[in-house]
C-alpha atoms as a PDB file:
ATOM      1  CA  MET A   1      15.621  -6.368   4.191  1.00  0.00           C
ATOM      2  CA  LEU A   2      12.244  -4.737   6.669  1.00  0.00           C
ATOM      3  CA  GLU A   3      12.558  -5.102  10.159  1.00  0.00           C
ATOM      4  CA  ILE A   4      10.178  -4.515  12.589  1.00  0.00           C
ATOM      5  CA  GLU A   5      10.817  -4.426  16.798  1.00  0.00           C
ATOM      6  CA  GLY A   6       8.272  -4.604  18.964  1.00  0.00           C
ATOM      7  CA  LEU A   7       6.300  -1.843  17.050  1.00  0.00           C
ATOM      8  CA  THR A   8       3.138  -0.028  19.359  1.00  0.00           C
ATOM      9  CA  ARG A   9       0.835   2.706  18.365  1.00  0.00           C
ATOM     10  CA  ARG A  10      -1.374   3.821  21.407  1.00  0.00           C
ATOM     11  CA  PHE A  11      -4.361   5.763  20.883  1.00  0.00           C
ATOM     12  CA  GLY A  12      -5.469   6.522  24.152  1.00  0.00           C
ATOM     13  CA  ARG A  13      -5.517   3.270  26.378  1.00  0.00           C
ATOM     14  CA  VAL A  14      -6.024   1.404  23.067  1.00  0.00           C
ATOM     15  CA  LYS A  15      -2.908  -0.279  21.559  1.00  0.00           C
ATOM     16  CA  ALA A  16      -4.082  -0.275  17.862  1.00  0.00           C
ATOM     17  CA  VAL A  17      -0.553  -1.713  16.685  1.00  0.00           C
ATOM     18  CA  ASP A  18       0.682  -3.874  19.904  1.00  0.00           C
ATOM     19  CA  GLY A  19       4.211  -5.285  20.219  1.00  0.00           C
ATOM     20  CA  VAL A  20       4.614  -6.588  16.282  1.00  0.00           C
ATOM     21  CA  SER A  21       8.164  -7.743  15.632  1.00  0.00           C
ATOM     22  CA  LEU A  22       8.898  -8.801  11.808  1.00  0.00           C
ATOM     23  CA  THR A  23      11.392  -9.439   9.498  1.00  0.00           C
ATOM     24  CA  VAL A  24      10.563  -9.263   5.762  1.00  0.00           C
ATOM     25  CA  PRO A  25      12.996 -10.604   3.384  1.00  0.00           C
ATOM     26  CA  ALA A  26      13.947  -8.149  -0.161  1.00  0.00           C
ATOM     27  CA  GLY A  27      11.186  -8.969  -2.734  1.00  0.00           C
ATOM     28  CA  GLN A  28       8.479 -11.215  -0.935  1.00  0.00           C
ATOM     29  CA  MET A  29       4.980 -11.061  -1.330  1.00  0.00           C
ATOM     30  CA  VAL A  30       3.178 -10.593   1.516  1.00  0.00           C
ATOM     31  CA  GLY A  31      -0.281 -10.425   2.785  1.00  0.00           C
ATOM     32  CA  VAL A  32      -1.722  -9.303   5.900  1.00  0.00           C
ATOM     33  CA  ILE A  33      -5.274 -10.133   6.805  1.00  0.00           C
ATOM     34  CA  GLY A  34      -7.683  -9.854   9.871  1.00  0.00           C
ATOM     35  CA  ARG A  35     -10.933  -8.923  10.919  1.00  0.00           C
ATOM     36  CA  SER A  36     -12.051  -5.024  11.081  1.00  0.00           C
ATOM     37  CA  GLY A  37      -9.672  -2.980  13.632  1.00  0.00           C
ATOM     38  CA  ALA A  38      -7.286  -5.775  13.791  1.00  0.00           C
ATOM     39  CA  GLY A  39      -4.502  -2.703  13.202  1.00  0.00           C
ATOM     40  CA  LYS A  40      -3.528  -3.895   9.043  1.00  0.00           C
ATOM     41  CA  SER A  41      -3.452  -0.258   8.180  1.00  0.00           C
ATOM     42  CA  THR A  42      -1.822   1.198  10.974  1.00  0.00           C
ATOM     43  CA  LEU A  43       0.980  -1.276  10.696  1.00  0.00           C
ATOM     44  CA  LEU A  44       1.040  -0.734   7.490  1.00  0.00           C
ATOM     45  CA  ARG A  45       0.845   3.394   8.470  1.00  0.00           C
ATOM     46  CA  LEU A  46       3.839   2.864  10.839  1.00  0.00           C
ATOM     47  CA  ILE A  47       5.864   1.338   8.502  1.00  0.00           C
ATOM     48  CA  ASN A  48       5.103   4.450   5.805  1.00  0.00           C
ATOM     49  CA  ARG A  49       5.656   6.893   8.880  1.00  0.00           C
ATOM     50  CA  LEU A  50       2.198   8.200   8.186  1.00  0.00           C
ATOM     51  CA  ALA A  51       1.837   7.771  11.692  1.00  0.00           C
ATOM     52  CA  GLU A  52       4.561   7.338  14.954  1.00  0.00           C
ATOM     53  CA  PRO A  53       4.936   4.562  16.862  1.00  0.00           C
ATOM     54  CA  SER A  54       4.384   4.834  20.908  1.00  0.00           C
ATOM     55  CA  GLU A  55       7.180   2.183  21.184  1.00  0.00           C
ATOM     56  CA  GLY A  56       9.566  -0.112  18.788  1.00  0.00           C
ATOM     57  CA  ARG A  57      11.695   0.180  15.847  1.00  0.00           C
ATOM     58  CA  ILE A  58      11.744   0.032  12.176  1.00  0.00           C
ATOM     59  CA  ARG A  59      15.012  -0.782  10.232  1.00  0.00           C
ATOM     60  CA  PHE A  60      15.106  -1.245   6.282  1.00  0.00           C
ATOM     61  CA  GLU A  61      18.621  -2.646   5.241  1.00  0.00           C
ATOM     62  CA  GLY A  62      20.112  -1.673   8.856  1.00  0.00           C
ATOM     63  CA  ARG A  63      19.172   1.906   8.746  1.00  0.00           C
ATOM     64  CA  ASP A  64      16.633   3.001  11.681  1.00  0.00           C
ATOM     65  CA  VAL A  65      13.518   4.660   9.773  1.00  0.00           C
ATOM     66  CA  THR A  66      11.735   5.348  13.449  1.00  0.00           C
ATOM     67  CA  ALA A  67      14.913   8.017  13.273  1.00  0.00           C
ATOM     68  CA  LEU A  68      14.365  10.040  10.510  1.00  0.00           C
ATOM     69  CA  GLN A  69      13.575  13.250   9.980  1.00  0.00           C
ATOM     70  CA  GLY A  70      12.921  15.909   7.605  1.00  0.00           C
ATOM     71  CA  ARG A  71      14.046  15.528   4.114  1.00  0.00           C
ATOM     72  CA  ALA A  72      15.055  12.368   5.531  1.00  0.00           C
ATOM     73  CA  LEU A  73      12.568  10.935   6.082  1.00  0.00           C
ATOM     74  CA  ARG A  74      10.720  12.653   2.948  1.00  0.00           C
ATOM     75  CA  ASP A  75      13.036  10.375   1.074  1.00  0.00           C
ATOM     76  CA  TRP A  76      12.090   7.627   3.008  1.00  0.00           C
ATOM     77  CA  ARG A  77       8.295   7.726   1.720  1.00  0.00           C
ATOM     78  CA  THR A  78       9.735   7.853  -1.168  1.00  0.00           C
ATOM     79  CA  GLY A  79      11.513   4.646  -1.211  1.00  0.00           C
ATOM     80  CA  CYS A  80       8.289   3.251   0.835  1.00  0.00           C
ATOM     81  CA  ALA A  81       5.630   3.706  -1.802  1.00  0.00           C
ATOM     82  CA  MET A  82       1.749   3.979  -0.070  1.00  0.00           C
ATOM     83  CA  ILE A  83      -1.211   2.921  -2.096  1.00  0.00           C
ATOM     84  CA  PHE A  84      -4.606   3.673  -1.053  1.00  0.00           C
ATOM     85  CA  GLN A  85      -7.749   1.642  -0.965  1.00  0.00           C
ATOM     86  CA  GLN A  86      -9.521   5.609  -2.047  1.00  0.00           C
ATOM     87  CA  PHE A  87      -6.632   5.937  -4.856  1.00  0.00           C
ATOM     88  CA  ASN A  88      -5.499   9.212  -3.802  1.00  0.00           C
ATOM     89  CA  LEU A  89      -5.615  10.626  -7.230  1.00  0.00           C
ATOM     90  CA  VAL A  90      -6.597  14.283  -8.229  1.00  0.00           C
ATOM     91  CA  GLN A  91      -9.310  13.748  -9.700  1.00  0.00           C
ATOM     92  CA  ARG A  92      -9.729  16.902 -12.173  1.00  0.00           C
ATOM     93  CA  LEU A  93      -6.173  15.968 -13.552  1.00  0.00           C
ATOM     94  CA  ASP A  94      -5.294  14.201 -16.084  1.00  0.00           C
ATOM     95  CA  VAL A  95      -4.209  10.257 -15.780  1.00  0.00           C
ATOM     96  CA  LEU A  96      -0.526  11.265 -16.784  1.00  0.00           C
ATOM     97  CA  THR A  97      -0.052  14.403 -14.479  1.00  0.00           C
ATOM     98  CA  ASN A  98      -1.292  12.194 -11.374  1.00  0.00           C
ATOM     99  CA  VAL A  99       1.364   9.265 -12.499  1.00  0.00           C
ATOM    100  CA  LEU A 100       4.033  12.513 -12.737  1.00  0.00           C
ATOM    101  CA  ILE A 101       3.178  13.211  -9.426  1.00  0.00           C
ATOM    102  CA  GLY A 102       5.012  10.132  -8.218  1.00  0.00           C
ATOM    103  CA  ARG A 103       8.317  12.026  -9.463  1.00  0.00           C
ATOM    104  CA  LEU A 104       7.587  15.452  -6.593  1.00  0.00           C
ATOM    105  CA  ASN A 105       9.917  13.858  -3.810  1.00  0.00           C
ATOM    106  CA  HIS A 106      12.906  13.628  -6.407  1.00  0.00           C
ATOM    107  CA  ARG A 107      12.624  17.697  -6.547  1.00  0.00           C
ATOM    108  CA  HIS A 108      14.859  18.962  -3.956  1.00  0.00           C
ATOM    109  CA  GLY A 109      13.474  22.421  -2.627  1.00  0.00           C
ATOM    110  CA  VAL A 110      10.179  23.609  -2.259  1.00  0.00           C
ATOM    111  CA  MET A 111      10.630  26.022  -5.235  1.00  0.00           C
ATOM    112  CA  ALA A 112      11.396  22.876  -7.658  1.00  0.00           C
ATOM    113  CA  ARG A 113       8.651  20.722  -6.326  1.00  0.00           C
ATOM    114  CA  LEU A 114       6.088  23.809  -6.362  1.00  0.00           C
ATOM    115  CA  GLY A 115       7.309  23.665 -10.262  1.00  0.00           C
ATOM    116  CA  SER A 116       6.443  20.007 -10.425  1.00  0.00           C
ATOM    117  CA  LEU A 117       3.338  20.950  -9.753  1.00  0.00           C
ATOM    118  CA  PHE A 118       2.818  23.317 -12.313  1.00  0.00           C
ATOM    119  CA  CYS A 119       3.431  20.572 -14.951  1.00  0.00           C
ATOM    120  CA  GLN A 120       7.078  21.684 -15.534  1.00  0.00           C
ATOM    121  CA  PHE A 121       8.339  17.678 -15.437  1.00  0.00           C
ATOM    122  CA  SER A 122      11.193  16.656 -17.825  1.00  0.00           C
ATOM    123  CA  ALA A 123      10.753  15.113 -21.277  1.00  0.00           C
ATOM    124  CA  GLU A 124      12.742  11.847 -19.333  1.00  0.00           C
ATOM    125  CA  GLU A 125      10.288  11.660 -16.447  1.00  0.00           C
ATOM    126  CA  ARG A 126       7.229  11.918 -18.902  1.00  0.00           C
ATOM    127  CA  ALA A 127       8.547   8.928 -21.354  1.00  0.00           C
ATOM    128  CA  MET A 128       8.714   7.387 -17.624  1.00  0.00           C
ATOM    129  CA  ALA A 129       5.212   8.411 -17.104  1.00  0.00           C
ATOM    130  CA  LEU A 130       4.176   6.975 -19.957  1.00  0.00           C
ATOM    131  CA  ALA A 131       6.112   3.422 -20.239  1.00  0.00           C
ATOM    132  CA  ALA A 132       4.479   3.007 -16.698  1.00  0.00           C
ATOM    133  CA  LEU A 133       1.118   3.871 -18.517  1.00  0.00           C
ATOM    134  CA  GLU A 134       1.730   1.379 -21.105  1.00  0.00           C
ATOM    135  CA  ARG A 135       2.814  -1.303 -18.815  1.00  0.00           C
ATOM    136  CA  PHE A 136      -0.557  -1.799 -17.329  1.00  0.00           C
ATOM    137  CA  ASP A 137      -2.612  -1.132 -20.379  1.00  0.00           C
ATOM    138  CA  LEU A 138      -3.079   2.121 -19.532  1.00  0.00           C
ATOM    139  CA  LEU A 139      -1.381   4.329 -22.180  1.00  0.00           C
ATOM    140  CA  SER A 140      -5.173   5.153 -24.183  1.00  0.00           C
ATOM    141  CA  THR A 141      -6.397   7.117 -20.849  1.00  0.00           C
ATOM    142  CA  ALA A 142      -3.033   9.362 -20.580  1.00  0.00           C
ATOM    143  CA  LEU A 143      -5.146  12.510 -21.193  1.00  0.00           C
ATOM    144  CA  GLN A 144      -8.359  11.805 -19.701  1.00  0.00           C
ATOM    145  CA  ARG A 145      -9.107  13.119 -16.507  1.00  0.00           C
ATOM    146  CA  ALA A 146      -9.087  10.451 -13.548  1.00  0.00           C
ATOM    147  CA  ASP A 147     -12.484  10.580 -12.041  1.00  0.00           C
ATOM    148  CA  THR A 148     -13.406   9.092 -15.751  1.00  0.00           C
ATOM    149  CA  LEU A 149     -11.637   6.516 -15.489  1.00  0.00           C
ATOM    150  CA  SER A 150     -13.255   3.301 -13.488  1.00  0.00           C
ATOM    151  CA  GLY A 151     -12.021   1.995  -9.871  1.00  0.00           C
ATOM    152  CA  GLY A 152      -9.852  -0.881 -11.205  1.00  0.00           C
ATOM    153  CA  GLN A 153      -8.082   1.933 -13.912  1.00  0.00           C
ATOM    154  CA  GLN A 154      -7.348   4.393 -11.052  1.00  0.00           C
ATOM    155  CA  GLN A 155      -5.972   1.792  -8.533  1.00  0.00           C
ATOM    156  CA  ARG A 156      -3.982   0.775 -11.621  1.00  0.00           C
ATOM    157  CA  VAL A 157      -2.560   4.663 -12.326  1.00  0.00           C
ATOM    158  CA  ALA A 158      -2.370   4.696  -8.402  1.00  0.00           C
ATOM    159  CA  ILE A 159       0.064   2.070  -8.782  1.00  0.00           C
ATOM    160  CA  CYS A 160       2.245   3.384 -12.022  1.00  0.00           C
ATOM    161  CA  ARG A 161       2.251   6.406  -9.564  1.00  0.00           C
ATOM    162  CA  ALA A 162       3.976   4.893  -7.113  1.00  0.00           C
ATOM    163  CA  LEU A 163       6.861   3.139  -9.199  1.00  0.00           C
ATOM    164  CA  MET A 164       7.479   6.573 -10.147  1.00  0.00           C
ATOM    165  CA  GLN A 165       8.770   7.284  -6.686  1.00  0.00           C
ATOM    166  CA  GLN A 166      11.734   4.401  -7.727  1.00  0.00           C
ATOM    167  CA  PRO A 167      10.415   2.598  -5.065  1.00  0.00           C
ATOM    168  CA  ARG A 168      11.788  -0.401  -3.338  1.00  0.00           C
ATOM    169  CA  LEU A 169       9.292  -0.988  -1.097  1.00  0.00           C
ATOM    170  CA  ILE A 170       5.206  -1.025  -1.778  1.00  0.00           C
ATOM    171  CA  LEU A 171       2.923  -1.067   0.869  1.00  0.00           C
ATOM    172  CA  ALA A 172      -0.892  -1.264  -0.203  1.00  0.00           C
ATOM    173  CA  ASP A 173      -3.632  -0.617   2.306  1.00  0.00           C
ATOM    174  CA  GLU A 174      -6.595  -2.549   1.048  1.00  0.00           C
ATOM    175  CA  PRO A 175      -6.392  -1.732  -2.523  1.00  0.00           C
ATOM    176  CA  ILE A 176      -8.942  -3.779  -3.747  1.00  0.00           C
ATOM    177  CA  ALA A 177     -11.486  -3.418  -1.131  1.00  0.00           C
ATOM    178  CA  SER A 178     -13.726  -0.834  -3.295  1.00  0.00           C
ATOM    179  CA  LEU A 179     -13.523  -3.019  -6.245  1.00  0.00           C
ATOM    180  CA  ASP A 180     -15.496  -5.640  -7.907  1.00  0.00           C
ATOM    181  CA  PRO A 181     -13.954  -9.232  -8.630  1.00  0.00           C
ATOM    182  CA  ARG A 182     -12.767  -8.569 -12.203  1.00  0.00           C
ATOM    183  CA  ASN A 183     -11.000  -5.110 -11.410  1.00  0.00           C
ATOM    184  CA  ALA A 184     -10.024  -6.739  -8.019  1.00  0.00           C
ATOM    185  CA  ARG A 185      -7.888  -9.348 -10.350  1.00  0.00           C
ATOM    186  CA  THR A 186      -6.611  -7.036 -12.300  1.00  0.00           C
ATOM    187  CA  VAL A 187      -5.124  -4.977  -9.554  1.00  0.00           C
ATOM    188  CA  MET A 188      -3.682  -7.991  -7.864  1.00  0.00           C
ATOM    189  CA  ASP A 189      -2.346  -9.138 -10.912  1.00  0.00           C
ATOM    190  CA  ALA A 190      -0.390  -5.617 -11.359  1.00  0.00           C
ATOM    191  CA  LEU A 191       1.169  -5.657  -8.061  1.00  0.00           C
ATOM    192  CA  ALA A 192       1.840  -9.786  -8.533  1.00  0.00           C
ATOM    193  CA  GLU A 193       3.805  -8.406 -11.372  1.00  0.00           C
ATOM    194  CA  VAL A 194       5.289  -5.398  -9.992  1.00  0.00           C
ATOM    195  CA  ASN A 195       7.212  -7.700  -6.930  1.00  0.00           C
ATOM    196  CA  ARG A 196       8.025  -9.946 -10.093  1.00  0.00           C
ATOM    197  CA  ARG A 197       9.268  -8.019 -12.329  1.00  0.00           C
ATOM    198  CA  ASP A 198      10.880  -5.426 -10.454  1.00  0.00           C
ATOM    199  CA  GLY A 199      12.243  -7.177  -7.332  1.00  0.00           C
ATOM    200  CA  LEU A 200      10.022  -5.165  -4.503  1.00  0.00           C
ATOM    201  CA  THR A 201       8.979  -6.076  -1.906  1.00  0.00           C
ATOM    202  CA  VAL A 202       4.898  -5.480  -1.685  1.00  0.00           C
ATOM    203  CA  MET A 203       3.168  -5.905   1.818  1.00  0.00           C
ATOM    204  CA  VAL A 204      -0.905  -5.569   1.405  1.00  0.00           C
ATOM    205  CA  ASN A 205      -3.345  -5.147   3.567  1.00  0.00           C
ATOM    206  CA  LEU A 206      -6.262  -8.027   2.489  1.00  0.00           C
ATOM    207  CA  HIS A 207      -9.807  -8.581   3.624  1.00  0.00           C
ATOM    208  CA  HIS A 208     -10.166 -11.748   1.481  1.00  0.00           C
ATOM    209  CA  LEU A 209      -8.388 -15.123   2.309  1.00  0.00           C
ATOM    210  CA  ASP A 210      -8.876 -16.365  -1.089  1.00  0.00           C
ATOM    211  CA  THR A 211      -6.789 -13.240  -2.810  1.00  0.00           C
ATOM    212  CA  ALA A 212      -4.050 -13.503   0.134  1.00  0.00           C
ATOM    213  CA  ARG A 213      -3.466 -17.425  -0.947  1.00  0.00           C
ATOM    214  CA  GLU A 214      -3.610 -16.828  -4.296  1.00  0.00           C
ATOM    215  CA  TYR A 215      -1.018 -14.410  -4.795  1.00  0.00           C
ATOM    216  CA  CYS A 216       0.905 -13.585  -1.688  1.00  0.00           C
ATOM    217  CA  THR A 217       3.783 -16.304  -0.858  1.00  0.00           C
ATOM    218  CA  ARG A 218       3.359 -15.256   2.874  1.00  0.00           C
ATOM    219  CA  VAL A 219       0.383 -14.509   5.106  1.00  0.00           C
ATOM    220  CA  ILE A 220       0.581 -12.414   8.442  1.00  0.00           C
ATOM    221  CA  ALA A 221      -2.923 -12.627  10.303  1.00  0.00           C
ATOM    222  CA  MET A 222      -3.011  -9.790  13.265  1.00  0.00           C
ATOM    223  CA  GLN A 223      -6.291  -9.860  15.606  1.00  0.00           C
ATOM    224  CA  GLN A 224      -6.383  -6.956  17.996  1.00  0.00           C
ATOM    225  CA  GLY A 225      -2.992  -5.641  17.076  1.00  0.00           C
ATOM    226  CA  ARG A 226      -0.815  -8.386  17.543  1.00  0.00           C
ATOM    227  CA  VAL A 227       0.356 -11.010  15.034  1.00  0.00           C
ATOM    228  CA  VAL A 228      -1.554 -14.365  15.369  1.00  0.00           C
ATOM    229  CA  PHE A 229      -0.473 -16.338  12.304  1.00  0.00           C
ATOM    230  CA  ASP A 230       2.908 -15.618  10.049  1.00  0.00           C
ATOM    231  CA  GLY A 231       3.840 -18.321   7.534  1.00  0.00           C
ATOM    232  CA  ALA A 232       2.580 -19.907   4.415  1.00  0.00           C
ATOM    233  CA  PRO A 233      -0.801 -19.506   3.144  1.00  0.00           C
ATOM    234  CA  ALA A 234      -1.633 -23.214   2.761  1.00  0.00           C
ATOM    235  CA  GLU A 235      -1.017 -23.177   6.638  1.00  0.00           C
ATOM    236  CA  LEU A 236      -3.719 -20.905   6.925  1.00  0.00           C
ATOM    237  CA  ASP A 237      -6.357 -23.632   6.741  1.00  0.00           C
ATOM    238  CA  ALA A 238     -10.052 -23.377   7.584  1.00  0.00           C
ATOM    239  CA  ALA A 239      -9.634 -25.016  10.789  1.00  0.00           C
ATOM    240  CA  ARG A 240      -6.195 -22.342  11.716  1.00  0.00           C
ATOM    241  CA  ILE A 241      -9.403 -19.589  10.967  1.00  0.00           C
ATOM    242  CA  THR A 242     -11.644 -21.200  13.819  1.00  0.00           C
ATOM    243  CA  GLN A 243      -8.481 -21.598  15.919  1.00  0.00           C
ATOM    244  CA  ILE A 244      -7.785 -17.876  15.794  1.00  0.00           C
ATOM    245  CA  TYR A 245     -10.201 -16.111  15.445  1.00  0.00           C
ATOM    246  CA  GLY A 246     -13.064 -18.280  16.997  1.00  0.00           C
ATOM    247  CA  ILE A 247     -14.978 -17.973  13.964  1.00  0.00           C
ATOM    248  CA  THR A 248     -15.684 -20.463  10.774  1.00  0.00           C
ATOM    249  CA  GLU A 249     -13.549 -19.179   7.424  1.00  0.00           C
ATOM    250  CA  ALA A 250     -16.937 -18.709   5.913  1.00  0.00           C
ATOM    251  CA  GLU A 251     -17.906 -16.311   9.083  1.00  0.00           C
ATOM    252  CA  PHE A 252     -14.864 -14.896   8.620  1.00  0.00           C
ATOM    253  CA  GLN A 253     -15.479 -14.056   4.183  1.00  0.00           C
ATOM    254  CA  ALA A 254     -18.816 -12.934   5.298  1.00  0.00           C
ATOM    255  CA  GLU A 255     -17.528 -10.141   7.397  1.00  0.00           C
ATOM    256  CA  ALA A 256     -15.068  -8.959   5.016  1.00  0.00           C
ATOM    257  CA  ALA A 257     -17.690  -8.987   2.417  1.00  0.00           C
ATOM    258  CA  ALA A 258     -19.762  -6.671   4.783  1.00  0.00           C
ATOM    259  CA  ALA A 259     -16.693  -4.456   5.700  1.00  0.00           C
ATOM    260  CA  VAL A 260     -16.223  -3.987   2.223  1.00  0.00           C
ATOM    261  CA  ASN A 261     -20.073  -3.246   1.548  1.00  0.00           C
ATOM    262  CA  ALA A 262     -19.413  -0.091   4.267  1.00  0.00           C
ATOM    263  CA  THR A 263     -16.490   1.712   2.799  1.00  0.00           C
ATOM    264  CA  PRO A 264     -17.179   4.685   1.305  1.00  0.00           C
ATOM    265  CA  ALA A 265     -16.860   5.901  -1.963  1.00  0.00           C
ATOM    266  CA  PRO A 266     -13.772   6.685  -3.294  1.00  0.00           C
ATOM    267  CA  GLY A 267     -12.670  10.399  -3.049  1.00  0.00           C
ATOM    268  CA  PHE A 268      -9.247  12.231  -3.506  1.00  0.00           C
ATOM    269  CA  VAL A 269      -7.221  12.457   0.183  1.00  0.00           C
ATOM    270  CA  PRO A 270      -4.191  14.764  -0.007  1.00  0.00           C
ATOM    271  CA  GLN A 271      -1.338  13.500   0.816  1.00  0.00           C
ATOM    272  CA  VAL A 272       1.765  15.278  -0.939  1.00  0.00           C
ATOM    273  CA  ALA A 273       3.584  17.836   1.147  1.00  0.00           C
ATOM    274  CA  LEU A 274       6.071  20.264   0.053  1.00  0.00           C
ATOM    275  CA  ALA A 275       7.539  21.147   3.223  1.00  0.00           C
END
């Protein structure tokens, strides 16, 4: 179980996340929605400890995540896999190696992890990676460079890499924002399948209400860093959207579409730390 208590993140005088408290039982598929700047991405980064909270606590199965440092913090980030909007693949490397990078933090010591970077992976790890690719219909791409794949394929490779971490929780930050509708559905199907088959808790930030309603068993709506709705997808109807945000559902969707269209082209942003 993931427990968040009074979580706050300040940037100067602005509270990007403002006193958020949530309890997420194991195995839930949770959609987080909100207008641009609502604090969705910051919330996920706080949970993963890519950003540090100004106040509050994060606990997972009773363990205080906010107190973790060093190796224990790296272990948490391994068990709490993050999937990014821009895929964060190493574009010049082949797909198989990108997936195997998910094993880095299972290696103890800097030299062992450097060895992994030079493709010194075990036969067992390679078999795991190939099985993950086959699971998501990507086996034929294993030896292709990542930059030759479509956006939807790259995001599924990112899901495979996350699964190689053997996580207990997956956080997906706008994973379909830069994808066309067909690829977006393929990626959401993959996340839903991971949630259902592996029993993993999945928290996913989404722009589109229809996607949250279709795939998630629980929807959390944020506004100005605060949780303003937390309930079943069916409860978040057009009237509730107007009540919460002061705009119609059509206007909410139009804003989301504009935000997606303003998204920069996907590129690699390094996230692997060796120390």
